[in-house]
Amino acid sequence: MTPIEEKLDRLYPKLRVGRKCANPNCSRDAVHVHHIVRRNVDLLRYDVNNLLPLCEECHRKIHDEGMFNRGLDFVDEAKRQYLMRLKNVDFKQYLLELNITKDDFFAAKERDILKHIGKTEYKQNTEEWLDQKNYGIGASEIASVVKSFVPQKELIETMGEKPALNFLSENLFSTGYQVYHKIKRGYRMEPLPDELSIYGHAMEKYIDWLFRDDVNFCFSGTDDFIKRPDISKYAVCSPDGYAESMNLSFVDINLKTHTCKHLVWEKKTVNPFKAARENIFYNGLPWQYIFQLQYQMKLCNTEAGIISSMVLEQDTPFNRGRIVSLVEQGLFDEIQRLFEIRTDNFIYGIIPEIQMVIDKALFYFEKAIDENRIPEINDKCARLAENDFKIYQAVYKANPDARKLATAQEEFEGKPLCDFVNDYIWLNGVIKDNNEQDKLNKTLLKKYMYDNKLCELYTLDGGSIRLSASGALLTKAIQ
């Protein structure tokens, strides 16, 4: 047996990862991979069409009781015909006809197996997919989990000080606090507004059309759902698509050359203000997009990935609606003529430092879940802090009878607690919700009161803050 065959023998059993038993009447997890056509047939030994994920019981019934027609009962007619056609073909003759070596053949089988590891029977945009997705960390959430769970010191040590601090200063779409409660408590975050969701799906169809004849890559969309419990029990992703390189090599954004064929593909709509503000065409994409792609590359077993960034210069609700309508009519040429949407491809190879940080985040997240260790509410952006607090209200209940005197002996946000409370009461009486800091202080006080199961904080100056049943802060002026 050659070294590559030995490698494939270690690799193909991973096709069971994240999969249910292929028997449609069985609900158990797959723990074995079964050869439908016997494994001594070299042509099919490592063919993904011949490798069937099964639970231990169904696998035993096939071998010990001769049931299920060696597993052919669990595959469709096209796959049956494929296997029956190839099972008696001479392997050496097959290689001669294709003019390839044995190692070339097995290398192609390795690439095919890697593409299929983690692919599940769940398809995107189905109820089953949504249920599975809600109990995992998706690619769009991994940057938030990194921020909330990897200690800053470790982040700086792994990524380097400047990249780590730049990443930490970037506002994200969600927080690790939200992801934690999604998985731990079953809290469901609000979906994107319909307008943005429908527009996003329409732009994905447009970009599929735009790249249909690309000379460098063959792009294809997908509805795959990937689960990788071998990486983490919470590791899942829903890639937008894949790309196959048409050339012997290609260069990534960091000027590194790659010879791999299979890439994961992510599509992003970026509004023109954000594109200009972050100067993405010269400095690269936001960190959260890079983390998202690196996570997908890890879960999809690819050595490179592509992010297609789409910028609509006249980004208005009216124009988004026009684009959706034109996509529904299949008038892609008209979209290109009317809007001239700017599209740039950013190719990334594996960035070891980011993938190491992702591993750390998954480890610390699992540990936090097991130990009931809740991360901090976001303190960088008032909008995200308010979102965190909505979850806090849904998960925890206040004690309606508890009151506490705010004293100078207890420090809060770098001030004596009584000073912080008095300052908040005074400012709230003058200007309400005037700025981000005011909103953030409100959220911090709400969290403090929930943490301590308080309904009221009061000071010796006569002022008080009361937490209403609806979660509002009611202030009483200082006397």
Protein backbone atom coordinates (compact mmCIF):
# COMPACT_ATOMS: atom_id res chain seq x y z
CA MET A 1 0.00 0.00 0.00
CA THR A 2 1.37 3.40 -0.99
CA PRO A 3 1.67 6.32 1.48
CA ILE A 4 -1.24 8.16 -0.16
CA GLU A 5 -3.46 5.06 0.21
CA GLU A 6 -2.52 4.84 3.88
CA LYS A 7 -3.42 8.52 4.21
CA LEU A 8 -6.79 7.93 2.53
CA ASP A 9 -7.50 5.00 4.84
CA ARG A 10 -7.13 7.40 7.77
CA LEU A 11 -9.10 10.12 6.03
CA TYR A 12 -12.26 8.54 4.61
CA PRO A 13 -13.72 7.51 8.03
CA LYS A 14 -14.13 11.25 8.71
CA LEU A 15 -17.01 11.26 6.22
CA ARG A 16 -19.21 10.26 9.17
CA VAL A 17 -18.39 13.54 10.99
CA GLY A 18 -21.54 15.53 11.71
CA ARG A 19 -23.74 13.05 9.83
CA LYS A 20 -26.83 11.07 10.72
CA CYS A 21 -27.12 7.41 9.77
CA ALA A 22 -27.92 7.09 6.03
CA ASN A 23 -30.83 4.78 6.82
CA PRO A 24 -33.84 7.12 6.45
CA ASN A 25 -35.70 5.17 9.15
CA CYS A 26 -32.90 5.60 11.67
CA SER A 27 -32.29 8.74 13.75
CA ARG A 28 -28.96 7.74 15.29
CA ASP A 29 -25.67 9.50 14.58
CA ALA A 30 -23.28 7.90 12.09
CA VAL A 31 -20.25 6.29 13.74
CA HIS A 32 -19.01 4.12 10.84
CA VAL A 33 -18.40 4.56 7.10
CA HIS A 34 -19.53 1.56 5.04
CA HIS A 35 -18.31 0.47 1.59
CA ILE A 36 -21.36 -0.35 -0.55
CA VAL A 37 -19.16 -2.06 -3.15
CA ARG A 38 -16.53 -4.03 -1.26
CA ARG A 39 -13.36 -2.17 -0.32
CA ASN A 40 -11.06 -4.49 -2.32
CA VAL A 41 -12.34 -2.79 -5.51
CA ASP A 42 -9.57 -0.20 -5.98
CA LEU A 43 -11.58 1.98 -8.32
CA LEU A 44 -14.29 2.57 -5.68
CA ARG A 45 -12.40 2.10 -2.41
CA TYR A 46 -12.14 5.85 -1.77
CA ASP A 47 -15.05 7.05 -3.93
CA VAL A 48 -17.44 9.23 -1.91
CA ASN A 49 -20.38 7.71 -3.82
CA ASN A 50 -19.43 4.32 -2.39
CA LEU A 51 -18.88 5.48 1.19
CA LEU A 52 -21.98 5.47 3.36
CA PRO A 53 -22.22 6.94 6.89
CA LEU A 54 -24.02 4.49 9.17
CA CYS A 55 -24.75 3.94 12.84
CA GLU A 56 -23.26 0.84 14.45
CA GLU A 57 -26.57 -1.06 14.48
CA CYS A 58 -27.40 -0.53 10.79
CA HIS A 59 -23.82 -1.35 9.81
CA ARG A 60 -24.06 -4.61 11.76
CA LYS A 61 -27.34 -5.53 10.07
CA ILE A 62 -25.74 -5.14 6.64
CA HIS A 63 -22.73 -7.34 7.44
CA ASP A 64 -24.21 -9.86 9.87
CA GLU A 65 -27.79 -10.14 8.61
CA GLY A 66 -27.41 -9.27 4.93
CA MET A 67 -30.01 -6.52 5.16
CA PHE A 68 -30.46 -3.34 3.08
CA ASN A 69 -28.82 -4.79 -0.09
CA ARG A 70 -25.31 -3.84 1.18
CA GLY A 71 -26.56 -0.26 1.57
CA LEU A 72 -27.84 0.19 -1.99
CA ASP A 73 -31.31 0.65 -0.49
CA PHE A 74 -30.10 3.95 1.01
CA VAL A 75 -28.89 5.63 -2.21
CA ASP A 76 -30.74 6.96 -5.26
CA GLU A 77 -31.01 5.24 -8.64
CA ALA A 78 -28.31 7.36 -10.31
CA LYS A 79 -25.79 6.41 -7.64
CA ARG A 80 -26.75 2.73 -7.87
CA GLN A 81 -26.16 2.71 -11.61
CA TYR A 82 -22.83 4.51 -11.19
CA LEU A 83 -21.59 1.95 -8.67
CA MET A 84 -22.81 -1.04 -10.70
CA ARG A 85 -21.14 0.32 -13.82
CA LEU A 86 -17.74 0.80 -12.20
CA LYS A 87 -17.50 -2.16 -9.83
CA ASN A 88 -16.25 -4.54 -12.54
CA VAL A 89 -14.06 -2.06 -14.45
CA ASP A 90 -10.35 -2.96 -14.50
CA PHE A 91 -8.45 -0.37 -12.46
CA LYS A 92 -5.24 -0.36 -14.53
CA GLN A 93 -7.16 -0.11 -17.78
CA TYR A 94 -9.16 2.80 -16.34
CA LEU A 95 -5.94 4.69 -15.51
CA LEU A 96 -4.54 4.04 -18.99
CA GLU A 97 -7.69 5.35 -20.67
CA LEU A 98 -7.52 8.58 -18.63
CA ASN A 99 -3.73 8.79 -19.03
CA ILE A 100 -3.18 9.38 -15.31
CA THR A 101 -1.02 7.69 -12.68
CA LYS A 102 -2.25 5.81 -9.64
CA ASP A 103 -1.06 8.64 -7.39
CA ASP A 104 -2.90 11.20 -9.55
CA PHE A 105 -6.08 9.16 -9.18
CA PHE A 106 -5.78 8.86 -5.41
CA ALA A 107 -4.87 12.55 -5.06
CA ALA A 108 -8.16 13.40 -6.82
CA LYS A 109 -10.01 11.09 -4.41
CA GLU A 110 -8.37 12.85 -1.47
CA ARG A 111 -9.59 16.23 -2.73
CA ASP A 112 -13.08 14.82 -3.17
CA ILE A 113 -13.20 13.34 0.32
CA LEU A 114 -11.99 16.61 1.84
CA LYS A 115 -14.81 18.44 0.06
CA HIS A 116 -17.39 16.14 1.64
CA ILE A 117 -16.17 15.95 5.24
CA GLY A 118 -18.71 17.70 7.44
CA LYS A 119 -21.42 18.00 4.76
CA THR A 120 -24.73 17.09 6.34
CA GLU A 121 -28.13 16.06 5.05
CA TYR A 122 -29.53 19.45 6.15
CA LYS A 123 -29.99 22.10 3.46
CA GLN A 124 -29.90 25.87 3.99
CA ASN A 125 -33.14 27.81 4.44
CA THR A 126 -35.09 24.82 5.76
CA GLU A 127 -36.58 24.45 9.25
CA GLU A 128 -34.20 21.57 10.02
CA TRP A 129 -31.22 23.71 9.00
CA LEU A 130 -32.36 26.63 11.16
CA ASP A 131 -32.75 24.34 14.17
CA GLN A 132 -29.25 22.91 13.72
CA LYS A 133 -27.77 26.36 13.04
CA ASN A 134 -29.25 27.79 16.23
CA TYR A 135 -27.29 25.29 18.34
CA GLY A 136 -23.93 26.12 16.82
CA ILE A 137 -21.48 28.95 16.25
CA GLY A 138 -21.93 30.12 12.65
CA ALA A 139 -19.23 31.75 10.54
CA SER A 140 -20.78 35.23 10.92
CA GLU A 141 -20.58 34.81 14.72
CA ILE A 142 -17.02 33.56 15.16
CA ALA A 143 -15.43 37.04 15.37
CA SER A 144 -17.84 37.93 18.18
CA VAL A 145 -16.97 34.74 20.05
CA VAL A 146 -13.26 35.52 19.67
CA LYS A 147 -13.78 39.02 21.11
CA SER A 148 -15.79 37.83 24.08
CA PHE A 149 -13.92 34.66 25.05
CA VAL A 150 -10.24 34.94 24.11
CA PRO A 151 -8.32 36.95 26.75
CA GLN A 152 -6.85 40.12 25.26
CA LYS A 153 -3.33 39.14 26.30
CA GLU A 154 -3.57 35.85 24.38
CA LEU A 155 -5.11 37.61 21.40
CA ILE A 156 -2.19 40.05 21.23
CA GLU A 157 0.37 37.27 21.70
CA THR A 158 -1.14 35.21 18.88
CA MET A 159 -2.10 37.87 16.32
CA GLY A 160 0.45 40.56 17.15
CA GLU A 161 -0.31 43.80 18.98
CA LYS A 162 -1.35 46.04 16.09
CA PRO A 163 -3.67 43.53 14.29
CA ALA A 164 -5.22 42.43 17.60
CA LEU A 165 -5.95 45.99 18.75
CA ASN A 166 -7.35 46.91 15.32
CA PHE A 167 -9.64 43.90 15.49
CA LEU A 168 -10.74 44.72 19.04
CA SER A 169 -11.63 48.28 18.02
CA GLU A 170 -13.86 47.10 15.15
CA ASN A 171 -17.63 47.13 15.74
CA LEU A 172 -19.20 43.76 14.97
CA PHE A 173 -22.70 42.65 13.99
CA SER A 174 -23.27 40.68 17.21
CA THR A 175 -21.55 39.80 20.49
CA GLY A 176 -20.35 36.63 22.17
CA TYR A 177 -22.94 37.33 24.85
CA GLN A 178 -25.69 36.86 22.27
CA VAL A 179 -24.14 33.66 20.90
CA TYR A 180 -23.71 32.27 24.42
CA HIS A 181 -27.38 32.74 25.27
CA LYS A 182 -28.49 31.48 21.88
CA ILE A 183 -26.85 28.14 22.62
CA LYS A 184 -27.10 28.00 26.41
CA ARG A 185 -30.60 29.40 26.92
CA GLY A 186 -32.21 28.96 23.51
CA TYR A 187 -32.54 32.72 23.06
CA ARG A 188 -33.16 33.54 19.42
CA MET A 189 -31.68 36.73 18.01
CA GLU A 190 -33.79 38.85 15.70
CA PRO A 191 -33.25 38.05 12.02
CA LEU A 192 -32.23 40.66 9.47
CA PRO A 193 -35.09 42.88 8.30
CA ASP A 194 -36.87 41.37 5.28
CA GLU A 195 -35.73 44.24 3.08
CA LEU A 196 -32.04 43.51 3.70
CA SER A 197 -32.45 39.73 3.60
CA ILE A 198 -34.31 39.73 0.27
CA TYR A 199 -31.85 42.23 -1.21
CA GLY A 200 -28.88 40.14 -0.02
CA HIS A 201 -30.24 36.98 -1.64
CA ALA A 202 -30.94 38.88 -4.87
CA MET A 203 -27.37 40.22 -4.98
CA GLU A 204 -26.05 36.68 -4.50
CA LYS A 205 -27.97 35.57 -7.59
CA TYR A 206 -26.62 38.55 -9.50
CA ILE A 207 -23.03 37.72 -8.61
CA ASP A 208 -23.59 34.07 -9.61
CA TRP A 209 -24.59 35.39 -13.03
CA LEU A 210 -21.74 37.90 -13.17
CA PHE A 211 -19.07 35.24 -12.59
CA ARG A 212 -20.63 32.55 -14.77
CA ASP A 213 -17.80 32.77 -17.34
CA ASP A 214 -14.92 33.83 -15.10
CA VAL A 215 -11.58 32.83 -16.65
CA ASN A 216 -9.78 32.21 -13.35
CA PHE A 217 -12.33 30.35 -11.24
CA CYS A 218 -15.41 28.24 -11.78
CA PHE A 219 -17.87 29.57 -9.16
CA SER A 220 -20.93 27.69 -7.91
CA GLY A 221 -23.45 28.46 -5.18
CA THR A 222 -24.41 25.86 -2.59
CA ASP A 223 -27.01 25.09 0.04
CA ASP A 224 -24.62 22.89 2.03
CA PHE A 225 -24.65 22.94 5.82
CA ILE A 226 -21.36 21.90 7.44
CA LYS A 227 -21.03 20.47 10.96
CA ARG A 228 -17.61 19.68 12.40
CA PRO A 229 -17.96 18.16 15.90
CA ASP A 230 -14.40 16.86 15.46
CA ILE A 231 -13.27 20.52 15.62
CA SER A 232 -15.84 21.65 18.21
CA LYS A 233 -19.33 20.47 19.11
CA TYR A 234 -20.50 23.99 18.21
CA ALA A 235 -18.59 24.35 14.89
CA VAL A 236 -21.07 24.86 12.01
CA CYS A 237 -21.20 26.98 8.87
CA SER A 238 -23.38 27.62 5.82
CA PRO A 239 -21.03 28.59 2.97
CA ASP A 240 -22.36 30.72 0.11
CA GLY A 241 -20.55 28.60 -2.45
CA TYR A 242 -17.32 27.14 -3.75
CA ALA A 243 -14.79 28.00 -6.46
CA GLU A 244 -12.57 25.71 -8.53
CA SER A 245 -9.30 27.20 -9.76
CA MET A 246 -8.92 27.08 -13.55
CA ASN A 247 -5.16 27.72 -13.40
CA LEU A 248 -2.15 25.83 -12.10
CA SER A 249 -1.68 28.49 -9.41
CA PHE A 250 -3.07 31.78 -8.11
CA VAL A 251 -1.93 34.55 -5.77
CA ASP A 252 -3.77 35.64 -2.62
CA ILE A 253 -4.14 39.12 -1.11
CA ASN A 254 -0.88 38.64 0.83
CA LEU A 255 1.00 37.82 -2.43
CA LYS A 256 1.37 34.14 -1.54
CA THR A 257 1.08 31.58 -4.35
CA HIS A 258 -1.31 28.63 -4.05
CA THR A 259 -1.72 25.50 -6.14
CA CYS A 260 -4.88 24.12 -4.50
CA LYS A 261 -7.97 23.67 -6.68
CA HIS A 262 -10.92 23.94 -4.28
CA LEU A 263 -11.82 27.17 -2.45
CA VAL A 264 -14.73 28.26 -0.29
CA TRP A 265 -16.66 31.31 -1.54
CA GLU A 266 -18.33 34.07 0.48
CA LYS A 267 -20.42 36.91 -0.98
CA LYS A 268 -20.74 40.26 0.79
CA THR A 269 -22.77 43.38 0.08
CA VAL A 270 -20.95 46.46 1.38
CA ASN A 271 -22.57 49.89 1.45
CA PRO A 272 -20.53 52.67 -0.21
CA PHE A 273 -20.08 54.65 3.03
CA LYS A 274 -18.52 51.68 4.78
CA ALA A 275 -16.37 50.82 1.76
CA ALA A 276 -14.99 54.38 1.67
CA ARG A 277 -14.60 54.71 5.42
CA GLU A 278 -12.66 51.46 5.80
CA ASN A 279 -10.86 51.85 2.46
CA ILE A 280 -11.37 48.14 1.85
CA PHE A 281 -10.09 48.14 -1.71
CA TYR A 282 -6.62 49.13 -0.54
CA ASN A 283 -6.37 47.83 3.02
CA GLY A 284 -8.40 44.64 2.79
CA LEU A 285 -11.77 43.73 4.24
CA PRO A 286 -12.98 44.19 7.84
CA TRP A 287 -11.58 41.71 10.33
CA GLN A 288 -14.97 40.10 10.91
CA TYR A 289 -15.16 39.10 7.23
CA ILE A 290 -11.64 37.65 7.36
CA PHE A 291 -12.45 35.67 10.52
CA GLN A 292 -15.63 34.43 8.87
CA LEU A 293 -13.78 33.18 5.79
CA GLN A 294 -10.95 31.58 7.81
CA TYR A 295 -13.53 29.73 9.91
CA GLN A 296 -15.29 28.46 6.79
CA MET A 297 -11.97 27.37 5.30
CA LYS A 298 -11.22 25.40 8.47
CA LEU A 299 -14.63 23.70 8.49
CA CYS A 300 -14.68 23.06 4.71
CA ASN A 301 -11.10 21.73 4.55
CA THR A 302 -9.89 24.31 2.03
CA GLU A 303 -6.50 25.99 1.87
CA ALA A 304 -7.87 29.20 0.37
CA GLY A 305 -11.08 31.18 0.10
CA ILE A 306 -12.60 34.05 -1.85
CA ILE A 307 -14.74 36.93 -0.65
CA SER A 308 -16.65 38.72 -3.42
CA SER A 309 -17.40 42.25 -2.23
CA MET A 310 -20.31 44.05 -3.95
CA VAL A 311 -20.75 47.82 -3.61
CA LEU A 312 -23.89 49.55 -4.90
CA GLU A 313 -22.91 53.22 -5.17
CA GLN A 314 -26.55 54.41 -5.20
CA ASP A 315 -27.46 52.32 -2.17
CA THR A 316 -31.06 53.34 -1.43
CA PRO A 317 -34.14 51.28 -0.50
CA PHE A 318 -35.69 52.22 -3.87
CA ASN A 319 -32.70 50.92 -5.85
CA ARG A 320 -32.51 47.77 -3.77
CA GLY A 321 -36.15 47.13 -4.60
CA ARG A 322 -35.46 47.68 -8.30
CA ILE A 323 -32.59 45.20 -8.19
CA VAL A 324 -34.74 42.57 -6.45
CA SER A 325 -37.44 43.00 -9.10
CA LEU A 326 -34.93 42.71 -11.96
CA VAL A 327 -33.37 39.59 -10.43
CA GLU A 328 -36.81 37.97 -10.16
CA GLN A 329 -37.28 38.65 -13.88
CA GLY A 330 -33.80 37.35 -14.71
CA LEU A 331 -32.78 40.73 -16.21
CA PHE A 332 -29.18 40.65 -15.01
CA ASP A 333 -27.85 42.59 -18.02
CA GLU A 334 -30.20 45.42 -17.11
CA ILE A 335 -28.87 45.48 -13.52
CA GLN A 336 -25.33 45.76 -14.85
CA ARG A 337 -26.29 48.54 -17.26
CA LEU A 338 -28.28 50.58 -14.73
CA PHE A 339 -26.21 50.26 -11.58
CA GLU A 340 -22.65 49.26 -12.51
CA ILE A 341 -22.23 47.45 -9.20
CA ARG A 342 -18.59 47.38 -8.20
CA THR A 343 -17.39 43.85 -7.44
CA ASP A 344 -13.93 42.91 -6.15
CA ASN A 345 -12.57 39.47 -5.31
CA PHE A 346 -10.35 39.14 -2.23
CA ILE A 347 -8.47 35.82 -2.13
CA TYR A 348 -7.07 34.64 1.20
CA GLY A 349 -4.89 31.65 2.03
CA ILE A 350 -4.81 30.09 5.48
CA ILE A 351 -3.73 32.67 8.06
CA PRO A 352 -2.31 30.48 10.88
CA GLU A 353 -2.56 33.21 13.54
CA ILE A 354 -6.29 33.70 12.93
CA GLN A 355 -7.01 29.99 12.80
CA MET A 356 -5.14 29.55 16.10
CA VAL A 357 -7.26 32.31 17.65
CA ILE A 358 -10.41 30.60 16.34
CA ASP A 359 -9.32 27.35 18.00
CA LYS A 360 -8.78 29.21 21.27
CA ALA A 361 -12.21 30.85 21.00
CA LEU A 362 -13.97 27.51 20.45
CA PHE A 363 -12.10 25.99 23.41
CA TYR A 364 -12.92 28.86 25.78
CA PHE A 365 -16.54 28.99 24.56
CA GLU A 366 -17.10 25.30 25.30
CA LYS A 367 -15.51 25.76 28.71
CA ALA A 368 -17.75 28.75 29.46
CA ILE A 369 -20.87 26.81 28.47
CA ASP A 370 -19.86 23.86 30.69
CA GLU A 371 -19.03 26.12 33.65
CA ASN A 372 -22.05 28.46 33.23
CA ARG A 373 -19.58 31.34 32.90
CA ILE A 374 -21.45 34.18 31.20
CA PRO A 375 -19.33 36.66 29.19
CA GLU A 376 -19.53 40.39 29.78
CA ILE A 377 -22.19 42.50 28.13
CA ASN A 378 -20.66 44.44 25.24
CA ASP A 379 -19.14 47.71 26.45
CA LYS A 380 -17.77 49.04 23.15
CA CYS A 381 -20.93 50.05 21.32
CA ALA A 382 -24.19 51.23 22.88
CA ARG A 383 -26.28 49.69 20.08
CA LEU A 384 -24.83 46.23 20.72
CA ALA A 385 -25.01 46.76 24.48
CA GLU A 386 -28.75 47.41 24.14
CA ASN A 387 -29.11 44.21 22.11
CA ASP A 388 -27.26 42.32 24.82
CA PHE A 389 -29.51 43.79 27.44
CA LYS A 390 -32.64 42.64 25.61
CA ILE A 391 -31.31 39.12 26.01
CA TYR A 392 -30.49 39.83 29.65
CA GLN A 393 -34.08 40.88 30.27
CA ALA A 394 -35.38 37.75 28.58
CA VAL A 395 -33.09 35.41 30.54
CA TYR A 396 -32.97 36.91 34.05
CA LYS A 397 -35.64 38.22 36.39
CA ALA A 398 -35.26 41.05 38.93
CA ASN A 399 -36.31 40.87 42.57
CA PRO A 400 -39.09 43.51 42.86
CA ASP A 401 -38.51 44.06 46.60
CA ALA A 402 -34.75 44.68 46.61
CA ARG A 403 -33.33 48.18 47.26
CA LYS A 404 -29.72 49.22 47.77
CA LEU A 405 -27.95 52.35 48.99
CA ALA A 406 -25.26 53.46 46.55
CA THR A 407 -22.22 54.38 48.64
CA ALA A 408 -18.71 55.73 48.05
CA GLN A 409 -17.22 52.46 49.37
CA GLU A 410 -18.21 50.53 46.21
CA GLU A 411 -16.55 51.40 42.91
CA PHE A 412 -18.41 51.28 39.62
CA GLU A 413 -16.87 52.01 36.20
CA GLY A 414 -13.91 53.75 37.81
CA LYS A 415 -16.03 55.98 40.12
CA PRO A 416 -17.59 55.61 43.54
CA LEU A 417 -21.01 54.06 42.96
CA CYS A 418 -22.87 56.95 44.58
CA ASP A 419 -21.11 59.47 42.26
CA PHE A 420 -21.89 57.41 39.17
CA VAL A 421 -25.57 57.17 40.15
CA ASN A 422 -25.85 60.86 41.02
CA ASP A 423 -24.13 61.90 37.78
CA TYR A 424 -26.48 59.70 35.78
CA ILE A 425 -29.56 61.10 37.53
CA TRP A 426 -28.40 64.68 36.99
CA LEU A 427 -27.54 64.16 33.31
CA ASN A 428 -30.77 62.26 32.71
CA GLY A 429 -32.70 65.20 34.06
CA VAL A 430 -30.98 67.55 31.61
CA ILE A 431 -30.48 65.53 28.41
CA LYS A 432 -32.03 62.13 27.67
CA ASP A 433 -30.31 59.66 25.33
CA ASN A 434 -28.17 62.42 23.92
CA ASN A 435 -25.16 60.31 22.97
CA GLU A 436 -23.62 56.85 22.90
CA GLN A 437 -22.09 57.29 26.37
CA ASP A 438 -25.46 58.16 27.91
CA LYS A 439 -27.03 55.06 26.34
CA LEU A 440 -24.12 52.92 27.46
CA ASN A 441 -24.33 54.18 31.05
CA LYS A 442 -28.02 53.32 31.08
CA THR A 443 -27.26 49.79 29.93
CA LEU A 444 -24.45 49.36 32.48
CA LEU A 445 -26.77 50.43 35.30
CA LYS A 446 -29.48 48.05 34.12
CA LYS A 447 -26.99 45.20 34.06
CA TYR A 448 -25.72 46.10 37.53
CA MET A 449 -29.24 46.06 38.92
CA TYR A 450 -30.05 42.73 37.30
CA ASP A 451 -26.75 41.24 38.45
CA ASN A 452 -27.57 42.25 42.03
CA LYS A 453 -31.31 41.46 41.74
CA LEU A 454 -32.23 45.05 42.58
CA CYS A 455 -35.35 47.02 41.80
CA GLU A 456 -33.95 50.33 43.13
CA LEU A 457 -30.65 52.13 43.71
CA TYR A 458 -30.76 55.25 45.91
CA THR A 459 -28.27 57.73 47.37
CA LEU A 460 -28.12 59.83 50.55
CA ASP A 461 -28.58 62.88 48.31
CA GLY A 462 -32.20 61.85 47.80
CA GLY A 463 -31.94 60.65 44.20
CA SER A 464 -32.90 57.15 43.06
CA ILE A 465 -33.03 54.91 40.01
CA ARG A 466 -35.79 52.35 39.77
CA LEU A 467 -35.98 49.44 37.36
CA SER A 468 -39.55 49.03 36.11
CA ALA A 469 -41.22 45.73 35.27
CA SER A 470 -40.82 46.56 31.57
CA GLY A 471 -37.05 47.07 31.96
CA ALA A 472 -37.07 50.88 31.85
CA LEU A 473 -34.95 53.00 34.20
CA LEU A 474 -37.03 55.52 36.14
CA THR A 475 -35.06 58.33 37.80
CA LYS A 476 -35.99 60.47 40.80
CA ALA A 477 -34.22 63.82 40.97
CA ILE A 478 -31.69 64.63 43.70
CA GLN A 479 -33.34 66.71 46.41
